[in-house]
Amino acid sequence: MDVERRQAPHEWTPGEVGAEAVSWRLVGANNHELGRGPDLHGGHTACSAAVRRLRDGLDRAVPLVSMGATTGLWGWQLALDERCVAVAARTFRRQRECRHSLQLFLVAAAEGQLAAGVTYTRRLRGLRLPDAVRGTAS
């Protein structure tokens, strides 16, 4: 699992996560994203702790596969102690594809290694990175 740094949405107050937020994603050997964390964290330490909680609780995790009411597309999420801890990286046209994606995630999450560093992403679900991260200033 690697960690990526993102800019927090502008409507968030700075006390929630700070200017830069960190989230995790699980990628396969081919660098294809299998799933991601639903939350932004205030730093690498908090994000790593969330990953460890997920891995430690995989045997108790409850999967939910559902179709979006407005989109008609399938997605999955994983809950632990009634809290969402992982979500699908994308949506699917077919339920069986969604379930297959969930199984790939579960296997990889159990076997995956936590990356030591942070991966910076250019754009992620409409969020922009700070200029310093893009390499224009530092």
Protein backbone atom coordinates (compact mmCIF):
# COMPACT_ATOMS: atom_id res chain seq x y z
CA MET A 1 0.00 0.00 0.00
CA ASP A 2 1.35 3.38 -0.78
CA VAL A 3 0.51 6.72 0.68
CA GLU A 4 -0.30 9.76 -1.40
CA ARG A 5 -0.35 13.40 -0.44
CA ARG A 6 -3.30 15.54 -1.50
CA GLN A 7 -4.49 19.05 -0.86
CA ALA A 8 -7.48 19.15 1.47
CA PRO A 9 -10.71 20.44 -0.06
CA HIS A 10 -11.07 24.20 0.39
CA GLU A 11 -14.23 23.89 2.50
CA TRP A 12 -12.31 22.04 5.25
CA THR A 13 -11.04 24.02 8.18
CA PRO A 14 -7.27 23.93 8.64
CA GLY A 15 -7.61 22.30 12.06
CA GLU A 16 -9.15 19.17 10.53
CA VAL A 17 -6.25 17.87 8.46
CA GLY A 18 -4.03 20.82 7.60
CA ALA A 19 -3.18 22.22 4.19
CA GLU A 20 -1.81 18.93 2.92
CA ALA A 21 -3.75 15.77 3.52
CA VAL A 22 -2.55 12.21 3.16
CA SER A 23 -4.54 9.16 2.11
CA TRP A 24 -3.64 5.61 1.21
CA ARG A 25 -4.28 3.43 -1.80
CA LEU A 26 -3.56 -0.19 -2.54
CA VAL A 27 -1.94 -0.91 -5.89
CA GLY A 28 -1.23 -4.26 -7.52
CA ALA A 29 2.06 -5.43 -8.97
CA ASN A 30 1.16 -3.75 -12.27
CA ASN A 31 0.54 -0.44 -10.43
CA HIS A 32 -3.23 -0.76 -11.01
CA GLU A 33 -5.19 0.75 -8.13
CA LEU A 34 -7.24 -1.90 -6.31
CA GLY A 35 -8.80 0.24 -3.59
CA ARG A 36 -8.24 3.28 -1.41
CA GLY A 37 -8.90 4.77 1.96
CA PRO A 38 -12.07 6.84 2.27
CA ASP A 39 -10.53 9.42 4.61
CA LEU A 40 -7.88 12.11 4.49
CA HIS A 41 -5.35 12.09 7.32
CA GLY A 42 -3.29 14.90 8.79
CA GLY A 43 0.03 13.19 8.15
CA HIS A 44 1.93 10.06 7.18
CA THR A 45 1.85 8.65 10.72
CA ALA A 46 -1.95 8.85 11.04
CA CYS A 47 -2.39 7.42 7.57
CA SER A 48 -0.05 4.50 8.30
CA ALA A 49 -1.98 3.79 11.51
CA ALA A 50 -5.23 3.63 9.51
CA VAL A 51 -3.65 1.08 7.15
CA ARG A 52 -2.45 -1.02 10.07
CA ARG A 53 -5.94 -0.96 11.64
CA LEU A 54 -7.40 -2.16 8.34
CA ARG A 55 -4.87 -4.97 8.00
CA ASP A 56 -5.27 -6.06 11.62
CA GLY A 57 -9.05 -6.14 11.25
CA LEU A 58 -9.41 -7.73 7.81
CA ASP A 59 -10.86 -10.90 9.33
CA ARG A 60 -13.65 -8.84 10.93
CA ALA A 61 -14.25 -6.50 7.98
CA VAL A 62 -17.72 -6.45 6.45
CA PRO A 63 -17.93 -5.91 2.67
CA LEU A 64 -20.79 -4.03 1.05
CA VAL A 65 -21.39 -4.25 -2.69
CA SER A 66 -24.08 -1.92 -3.96
CA MET A 67 -25.39 -0.19 -7.04
CA GLY A 68 -25.55 3.58 -7.12
CA ALA A 69 -29.15 4.77 -7.27
CA THR A 70 -28.43 7.54 -9.77
CA THR A 71 -25.55 6.03 -11.74
CA GLY A 72 -26.56 2.39 -12.06
CA LEU A 73 -22.91 1.47 -11.50
CA TRP A 74 -21.61 -0.95 -8.89
CA GLY A 75 -19.13 -0.15 -6.15
CA TRP A 76 -17.85 -1.73 -2.97
CA GLN A 77 -16.75 -0.59 0.42
CA LEU A 78 -15.33 -2.32 3.44
CA ALA A 79 -16.50 -1.55 6.97
CA LEU A 80 -14.73 -2.30 10.22
CA ASP A 81 -16.54 -1.72 13.51
CA GLU A 82 -19.33 0.03 11.56
CA ARG A 83 -16.90 2.50 9.97
CA CYS A 84 -15.92 2.57 6.31
CA VAL A 85 -12.21 1.75 6.03
CA ALA A 86 -11.76 1.11 2.29
CA VAL A 87 -13.58 1.85 -0.96
CA ALA A 88 -13.33 0.73 -4.55
CA ALA A 89 -10.98 2.73 -6.73
CA ARG A 90 -13.64 2.99 -9.43
CA THR A 91 -17.17 1.89 -10.29
CA PHE A 92 -18.20 -1.11 -12.37
CA ARG A 93 -20.94 -1.83 -14.90
CA ARG A 94 -21.41 -5.40 -13.69
CA GLN A 95 -21.86 -6.72 -10.17
CA ARG A 96 -19.56 -9.69 -10.79
CA GLU A 97 -16.74 -7.34 -11.84
CA CYS A 98 -17.26 -5.34 -8.67
CA ARG A 99 -17.17 -8.48 -6.50
CA HIS A 100 -14.03 -9.66 -8.30
CA SER A 101 -12.40 -6.29 -7.62
CA LEU A 102 -13.28 -6.62 -3.93
CA GLN A 103 -11.72 -10.10 -3.76
CA LEU A 104 -8.54 -8.85 -5.43
CA PHE A 105 -8.39 -6.05 -2.87
CA LEU A 106 -8.88 -8.39 0.10
CA VAL A 107 -6.14 -10.77 -1.02
CA ALA A 108 -3.72 -7.95 -1.80
CA ALA A 109 -4.48 -6.11 1.45
CA ALA A 110 -3.64 -9.23 3.45
CA GLU A 111 -0.36 -9.78 1.59
CA GLY A 112 0.67 -6.21 0.72
CA GLN A 113 3.49 -4.22 2.23
CA LEU A 114 3.23 -0.69 3.50
CA ALA A 115 5.43 1.64 1.45
CA ALA A 116 7.92 3.69 3.40
CA GLY A 117 7.42 6.96 1.56
CA VAL A 118 4.79 9.13 -0.01
CA THR A 119 3.65 9.14 -3.63
CA TYR A 120 2.52 12.49 -4.98
CA THR A 121 -0.39 12.44 -7.39
CA ARG A 122 -1.18 15.15 -9.90
CA ARG A 123 -4.97 14.96 -9.75
CA LEU A 124 -7.18 12.78 -7.69
CA ARG A 125 -10.96 12.89 -7.84
CA GLY A 126 -10.95 16.57 -8.68
CA LEU A 127 -8.55 17.66 -5.93
CA ARG A 128 -5.53 19.80 -6.77
CA LEU A 129 -2.08 19.46 -5.31
CA PRO A 130 -0.18 22.47 -3.95
CA ASP A 131 2.14 24.19 -6.44
CA ALA A 132 5.21 23.04 -4.49
CA VAL A 133 4.26 19.42 -5.03
CA ARG A 134 3.88 19.94 -8.78
CA GLY A 135 7.47 21.12 -8.86
CA THR A 136 6.82 24.78 -9.78
CA ALA A 137 8.06 26.14 -6.45
CA SER A 138 9.75 24.80 -3.38
